[in-house]
């Protein structure tokens, strides 16, 4: 269901039902704290996953003409 479809359904509801929907959304968000609070990052989790080759700075074959 898209946001537009949901909004259309919500717009058609009577005021009392809109209030109940709003209260329900608030209760869902209160239960799921991860929606409101992003997790803290942990430094160093990627250590050792990337390595650089010894020949990284060597010229690339076929590009000699472009370096001048």
PDB file of N, CA and C in Angstrom:
ATOM      1  N   UNK A   1       0.849  -1.168   0.000  1.00  0.00           N
ATOM      2  CA  UNK A   1       0.000   0.000   0.000  1.00  0.00           C
ATOM      3  C   UNK A   1       0.900   1.238   0.000  1.00  0.00           C
ATOM      4  N   UNK A   2       0.608   2.160  -0.871  1.00  0.00           N
ATOM      5  CA  UNK A   2       1.403   3.382  -0.969  1.00  0.00           C
ATOM      6  C   UNK A   2       0.925   4.405   0.064  1.00  0.00           C
ATOM      7  N   UNK A   3       1.741   5.420   0.278  1.00  0.00           N
ATOM      8  CA  UNK A   3       1.375   6.483   1.214  1.00  0.00           C
ATOM      9  C   UNK A   3       0.118   7.216   0.751  1.00  0.00           C
ATOM     10  N   UNK A   4      -0.017   7.381  -0.554  1.00  0.00           N
ATOM     11  CA  UNK A   4      -1.194   8.086  -1.096  1.00  0.00           C
ATOM     12  C   UNK A   4      -2.461   7.284  -0.834  1.00  0.00           C
ATOM     13  N   UNK A   5      -2.394   5.969  -1.034  1.00  0.00           N
ATOM     14  CA  UNK A   5      -3.564   5.129  -0.767  1.00  0.00           C
ATOM     15  C   UNK A   5      -3.933   5.175   0.713  1.00  0.00           C
ATOM     16  N   UNK A   6      -2.923   5.132   1.563  1.00  0.00           N
ATOM     17  CA  UNK A   6      -3.177   5.193   2.994  1.00  0.00           C
ATOM     18  C   UNK A   6      -3.769   6.547   3.390  1.00  0.00           C
ATOM     19  N   UNK A   7      -3.221   7.619   2.842  1.00  0.00           N
ATOM     20  CA  UNK A   7      -3.733   8.955   3.141  1.00  0.00           C
ATOM     21  C   UNK A   7      -5.182   9.098   2.667  1.00  0.00           C
ATOM     22  N   UNK A   8      -5.494   8.552   1.502  1.00  0.00           N
ATOM     23  CA  UNK A   8      -6.862   8.628   0.979  1.00  0.00           C
ATOM     24  C   UNK A   8      -7.840   7.930   1.916  1.00  0.00           C
ATOM     25  N   UNK A   9      -7.458   6.752   2.394  1.00  0.00           N
ATOM     26  CA  UNK A   9      -8.322   6.043   3.337  1.00  0.00           C
ATOM     27  C   UNK A   9      -8.479   6.830   4.628  1.00  0.00           C
ATOM     28  N   UNK A  10      -7.391   7.396   5.100  1.00  0.00           N
ATOM     29  CA  UNK A  10      -7.425   8.165   6.339  1.00  0.00           C
ATOM     30  C   UNK A  10      -8.285   9.419   6.187  1.00  0.00           C
ATOM     31  N   UNK A  11      -8.185  10.068   5.053  1.00  0.00           N
ATOM     32  CA  UNK A  11      -8.949  11.292   4.816  1.00  0.00           C
ATOM     33  C   UNK A  11     -10.459  11.025   4.803  1.00  0.00           C
ATOM     34  N   UNK A  12     -10.854   9.829   4.427  1.00  0.00           N
ATOM     35  CA  UNK A  12     -12.278   9.491   4.356  1.00  0.00           C
ATOM     36  C   UNK A  12     -12.882   9.111   5.712  1.00  0.00           C
ATOM     37  N   UNK A  13     -12.033   8.910   6.734  1.00  0.00           N
ATOM     38  CA  UNK A  13     -12.542   8.495   8.039  1.00  0.00           C
ATOM     39  C   UNK A  13     -13.182   9.656   8.787  1.00  0.00           C
ATOM     40  N   UNK A  14     -14.168   9.350   9.643  1.00  0.00           N
ATOM     41  CA  UNK A  14     -14.721  10.388  10.522  1.00  0.00           C
ATOM     42  C   UNK A  14     -13.669  10.813  11.558  1.00  0.00           C
ATOM     43  N   UNK A  15     -13.861  11.961  12.166  1.00  0.00           N
ATOM     44  CA  UNK A  15     -12.890  12.546  13.088  1.00  0.00           C
ATOM     45  C   UNK A  15     -12.545  11.612  14.242  1.00  0.00           C
ATOM     46  N   UNK A  16     -13.543  10.947  14.821  1.00  0.00           N
ATOM     47  CA  UNK A  16     -13.291  10.047  15.956  1.00  0.00           C
ATOM     48  C   UNK A  16     -12.391   8.876  15.555  1.00  0.00           C
ATOM     49  N   UNK A  17     -12.601   8.331  14.381  1.00  0.00           N
ATOM     50  CA  UNK A  17     -11.753   7.230  13.925  1.00  0.00           C
ATOM     51  C   UNK A  17     -10.346   7.710  13.587  1.00  0.00           C
ATOM     52  N   UNK A  18     -10.224   8.925  13.084  1.00  0.00           N
ATOM     53  CA  UNK A  18      -8.898   9.489  12.831  1.00  0.00           C
ATOM     54  C   UNK A  18      -8.108   9.589  14.125  1.00  0.00           C
ATOM     55  N   UNK A  19      -8.789   9.991  15.203  1.00  0.00           N
ATOM     56  CA  UNK A  19      -8.139  10.083  16.509  1.00  0.00           C
ATOM     57  C   UNK A  19      -7.662   8.717  16.971  1.00  0.00           C
ATOM     58  N   UNK A  20      -8.481   7.682  16.767  1.00  0.00           N
ATOM     59  CA  UNK A  20      -8.100   6.327  17.164  1.00  0.00           C
ATOM     60  C   UNK A  20      -6.915   5.828  16.344  1.00  0.00           C
ATOM     61  N   UNK A  21      -6.891   6.151  15.059  1.00  0.00           N
ATOM     62  CA  UNK A  21      -5.765   5.763  14.204  1.00  0.00           C
ATOM     63  C   UNK A  21      -4.501   6.465  14.673  1.00  0.00           C
ATOM     64  N   UNK A  22      -4.604   7.731  14.993  1.00  0.00           N
ATOM     65  CA  UNK A  22      -3.457   8.484  15.483  1.00  0.00           C
ATOM     66  C   UNK A  22      -2.927   7.890  16.788  1.00  0.00           C
ATOM     67  N   UNK A  23      -3.833   7.547  17.701  1.00  0.00           N
ATOM     68  CA  UNK A  23      -3.422   6.927  18.967  1.00  0.00           C
ATOM     69  C   UNK A  23      -2.743   5.580  18.722  1.00  0.00           C
ATOM     70  N   UNK A  24      -3.247   4.820  17.769  1.00  0.00           N
ATOM     71  CA  UNK A  24      -2.663   3.510  17.451  1.00  0.00           C
ATOM     72  C   UNK A  24      -1.253   3.678  16.886  1.00  0.00           C
ATOM     73  N   UNK A  25      -1.067   4.636  16.007  1.00  0.00           N
ATOM     74  CA  UNK A  25       0.257   4.898  15.442  1.00  0.00           C
ATOM     75  C   UNK A  25       1.226   5.298  16.549  1.00  0.00           C
ATOM     76  N   UNK A  26       0.766   6.148  17.472  1.00  0.00           N
ATOM     77  CA  UNK A  26       1.614   6.554  18.597  1.00  0.00           C
ATOM     78  C   UNK A  26       2.013   5.355  19.450  1.00  0.00           C
ATOM     79  N   UNK A  27       1.074   4.439  19.679  1.00  0.00           N
ATOM     80  CA  UNK A  27       1.388   3.264  20.497  1.00  0.00           C
ATOM     81  C   UNK A  27       2.372   2.343  19.777  1.00  0.00           C
ATOM     82  N   UNK A  28       2.260   2.223  18.457  1.00  0.00           N
ATOM     83  CA  UNK A  28       3.218   1.415  17.695  1.00  0.00           C
ATOM     84  C   UNK A  28       4.621   1.996  17.777  1.00  0.00           C
ATOM     85  N   UNK A  29       4.718   3.300  17.653  1.00  0.00           N
ATOM     86  CA  UNK A  29       6.023   3.947  17.708  1.00  0.00           C
ATOM     87  C   UNK A  29       6.626   3.877  19.106  1.00  0.00           C
ATOM     88  N   UNK A  30       5.795   3.902  20.131  1.00  0.00           N
ATOM     89  CA  UNK A  30       6.295   3.797  21.501  1.00  0.00           C
ATOM     90  C   UNK A  30       6.843   2.405  21.770  1.00  0.00           C
ATOM     91  N   UNK A  31       6.236   1.381  21.175  1.00  0.00           N
ATOM     92  CA  UNK A  31       6.706   0.006  21.347  1.00  0.00           C
ATOM     93  C   UNK A  31       8.031  -0.220  20.644  1.00  0.00           C
ATOM     94  N   UNK A  32       8.202   0.379  19.487  1.00  0.00           N
ATOM     95  CA  UNK A  32       9.403   0.169  18.681  1.00  0.00           C
ATOM     96  C   UNK A  32      10.337   1.358  18.863  1.00  0.00           C
ATOM     97  N   UNK A  33      11.209   1.281  19.839  1.00  0.00           N
ATOM     98  CA  UNK A  33      12.114   2.384  20.150  1.00  0.00           C
ATOM     99  C   UNK A  33      13.166   2.585  19.071  1.00  0.00           C
ATOM    100  N   UNK A  34      13.430   1.569  18.234  1.00  0.00           N
ATOM    101  CA  UNK A  34      14.461   1.709  17.199  1.00  0.00           C
ATOM    102  C   UNK A  34      14.040   2.695  16.125  1.00  0.00           C
ATOM    103  N   UNK A  35      12.748   2.939  15.968  1.00  0.00           N
ATOM    104  CA  UNK A  35      12.277   3.901  14.975  1.00  0.00           C
ATOM    105  C   UNK A  35      12.662   5.312  15.410  1.00  0.00           C
ATOM    106  N   UNK A  36      12.562   5.590  16.689  1.00  0.00           N
ATOM    107  CA  UNK A  36      12.816   6.927  17.209  1.00  0.00           C
ATOM    108  C   UNK A  36      14.275   7.179  17.567  1.00  0.00           C
ATOM    109  N   UNK A  37      15.032   6.129  17.853  1.00  0.00           N
ATOM    110  CA  UNK A  37      16.401   6.297  18.338  1.00  0.00           C
ATOM    111  C   UNK A  37      17.367   5.485  17.459  1.00  0.00           C
ATOM    112  N   UNK A  38      18.193   6.165  16.657  1.00  0.00           N
ATOM    113  CA  UNK A  38      19.147   5.431  15.833  1.00  0.00           C
ATOM    114  C   UNK A  38      20.215   4.767  16.707  1.00  0.00           C
ATOM    115  N   UNK A  39      20.716   3.629  16.235  1.00  0.00           N
ATOM    116  CA  UNK A  39      21.733   2.915  16.994  1.00  0.00           C
ATOM    117  C   UNK A  39      23.080   3.616  16.874  1.00  0.00           C
ATOM    118  N   UNK A  40      23.857   3.554  17.942  1.00  0.00           N
ATOM    119  CA  UNK A  40      25.168   4.170  17.967  1.00  0.00           C
ATOM    120  C   UNK A  40      26.147   3.304  17.168  1.00  0.00           C
ATOM    121  N   UNK A  41      26.998   3.947  16.374  1.00  0.00           N
ATOM    122  CA  UNK A  41      27.977   3.238  15.574  1.00  0.00           C
ATOM    123  C   UNK A  41      29.137   2.753  16.442  1.00  0.00           C
ATOM    124  N   UNK A  42      29.712   1.629  16.038  1.00  0.00           N
ATOM    125  CA  UNK A  42      30.853   1.064  16.752  1.00  0.00           C
ATOM    126  C   UNK A  42      32.062   1.142  15.830  1.00  0.00           C
ATOM    127  N   UNK A  43      33.086   1.861  16.271  1.00  0.00           N
ATOM    128  CA  UNK A  43      34.293   2.028  15.461  1.00  0.00           C
ATOM    129  C   UNK A  43      35.082   0.724  15.396  1.00  0.00           C
ATOM    130  N   UNK A  44      35.684   0.470  14.219  1.00  0.00           N
ATOM    131  CA  UNK A  44      36.592  -0.654  14.059  1.00  0.00           C
ATOM    132  C   UNK A  44      35.959  -1.953  13.606  1.00  0.00           C
ATOM    133  N   UNK A  45      34.671  -1.980  13.309  1.00  0.00           N
ATOM    134  CA  UNK A  45      34.039  -3.230  12.899  1.00  0.00           C
ATOM    135  C   UNK A  45      34.523  -3.717  11.532  1.00  0.00           C
ATOM    136  N   UNK A  46      35.004  -2.798  10.687  1.00  0.00           N
ATOM    137  CA  UNK A  46      35.458  -3.182   9.354  1.00  0.00           C
ATOM    138  C   UNK A  46      36.959  -3.399   9.258  1.00  0.00           C
ATOM    139  N   UNK A  47      37.639  -3.347  10.391  1.00  0.00           N
ATOM    140  CA  UNK A  47      39.101  -3.463  10.379  1.00  0.00           C
ATOM    141  C   UNK A  47      39.519  -4.816   9.799  1.00  0.00           C
ATOM    142  N   UNK A  48      40.442  -4.769   8.830  1.00  0.00           N
ATOM    143  CA  UNK A  48      40.956  -5.983   8.217  1.00  0.00           C
ATOM    144  C   UNK A  48      40.147  -6.475   7.028  1.00  0.00           C
ATOM    145  N   UNK A  49      39.027  -5.838   6.716  1.00  0.00           N
ATOM    146  CA  UNK A  49      38.196  -6.281   5.598  1.00  0.00           C
ATOM    147  C   UNK A  49      38.701  -5.759   4.261  1.00  0.00           C
ATOM    148  N   UNK A  50      39.467  -4.679   4.276  1.00  0.00           N
ATOM    149  CA  UNK A  50      39.969  -4.081   3.042  1.00  0.00           C
ATOM    150  C   UNK A  50      41.484  -4.042   3.106  1.00  0.00           C
ATOM    151  N   UNK A  51      42.109  -4.484   2.022  1.00  0.00           N
ATOM    152  CA  UNK A  51      43.568  -4.419   1.965  1.00  0.00           C
ATOM    153  C   UNK A  51      43.981  -3.811   0.628  1.00  0.00           C
ATOM    154  N   UNK A  52      45.115  -3.145   0.623  1.00  0.00           N
ATOM    155  CA  UNK A  52      45.623  -2.506  -0.575  1.00  0.00           C
ATOM    156  C   UNK A  52      46.773  -3.341  -1.127  1.00  0.00           C
ATOM    157  N   UNK A  53      46.755  -3.583  -2.412  1.00  0.00           N
ATOM    158  CA  UNK A  53      47.801  -4.368  -3.063  1.00  0.00           C
ATOM    159  C   UNK A  53      49.126  -3.614  -3.041  1.00  0.00           C
ATOM    160  N   UNK A  54      50.227  -4.364  -3.082  1.00  0.00           N
ATOM    161  CA  UNK A  54      51.555  -3.762  -3.095  1.00  0.00           C
ATOM    162  C   UNK A  54      51.790  -2.923  -4.346  1.00  0.00           C
ATOM    163  N   UNK A  55      51.166  -3.292  -5.460  1.00  0.00           N
ATOM    164  CA  UNK A  55      51.383  -2.596  -6.728  1.00  0.00           C
ATOM    165  C   UNK A  55      50.301  -1.532  -6.994  1.00  0.00           C
ATOM    166  N   UNK A  56      49.687  -1.011  -5.977  1.00  0.00           N
ATOM    167  CA  UNK A  56      48.590  -0.063  -6.129  1.00  0.00           C
ATOM    168  C   UNK A  56      49.003   1.187  -6.917  1.00  0.00           C
ATOM    169  N   UNK A  57      50.194   1.706  -6.668  1.00  0.00           N
ATOM    170  CA  UNK A  57      50.637   2.938  -7.309  1.00  0.00           C
ATOM    171  C   UNK A  57      51.358   2.706  -8.636  1.00  0.00           C
ATOM    172  N   UNK A  58      51.487   1.468  -9.068  1.00  0.00           N
ATOM    173  CA  UNK A  58      52.147   1.179 -10.350  1.00  0.00           C
ATOM    174  C   UNK A  58      51.268   1.664 -11.500  1.00  0.00           C
ATOM    175  N   UNK A  59      51.895   2.057 -12.625  1.00  0.00           N
ATOM    176  CA  UNK A  59      51.108   2.490 -13.795  1.00  0.00           C
ATOM    177  C   UNK A  59      50.233   1.352 -14.337  1.00  0.00           C
ATOM    178  N   UNK A  60      49.095   1.714 -14.890  1.00  0.00           N
ATOM    179  CA  UNK A  60      48.168   0.736 -15.455  1.00  0.00           C
ATOM    180  C   UNK A  60      48.498   0.570 -16.927  1.00  0.00           C
ATOM    181  N   UNK A  61      48.564  -0.688 -17.378  1.00  0.00           N
ATOM    182  CA  UNK A  61      48.876  -0.965 -18.783  1.00  0.00           C
ATOM    183  C   UNK A  61      47.794  -0.371 -19.672  1.00  0.00           C
ATOM    184  N   UNK A  62      48.224   0.275 -20.760  1.00  0.00           N
ATOM    185  CA  UNK A  62      47.289   0.843 -21.718  1.00  0.00           C
ATOM    186  C   UNK A  62      46.981   2.303 -21.459  1.00  0.00           C
ATOM    187  N   UNK A  63      47.396   2.862 -20.341  1.00  0.00           N
ATOM    188  CA  UNK A  63      47.125   4.253 -20.026  1.00  0.00           C
ATOM    189  C   UNK A  63      48.378   5.116 -20.084  1.00  0.00           C
ATOM    190  N   UNK A  64      49.453   4.574 -20.594  1.00  0.00           N
ATOM    191  CA  UNK A  64      50.706   5.318 -20.643  1.00  0.00           C
ATOM    192  C   UNK A  64      50.573   6.603 -21.459  1.00  0.00           C
ATOM    193  N   UNK A  65      49.838   6.574 -22.556  1.00  0.00           N
ATOM    194  CA  UNK A  65      49.687   7.745 -23.434  1.00  0.00           C
ATOM    195  C   UNK A  65      48.908   8.861 -22.739  1.00  0.00           C
ATOM    196  N   UNK A  66      48.019   8.519 -21.821  1.00  0.00           N
ATOM    197  CA  UNK A  66      47.176   9.530 -21.164  1.00  0.00           C
ATOM    198  C   UNK A  66      47.894  10.222 -20.012  1.00  0.00           C
ATOM    199  N   UNK A  67      49.015   9.683 -19.554  1.00  0.00           N
ATOM    200  CA  UNK A  67      49.720  10.246 -18.407  1.00  0.00           C
ATOM    201  C   UNK A  67      50.631  11.411 -18.797  1.00  0.00           C
ATOM    202  N   UNK A  68      50.854  11.642 -20.072  1.00  0.00           N
ATOM    203  CA  UNK A  68      51.765  12.689 -20.489  1.00  0.00           C
ATOM    204  C   UNK A  68      51.092  14.004 -20.703  1.00  0.00           C
TER     205      UNK A  68
END
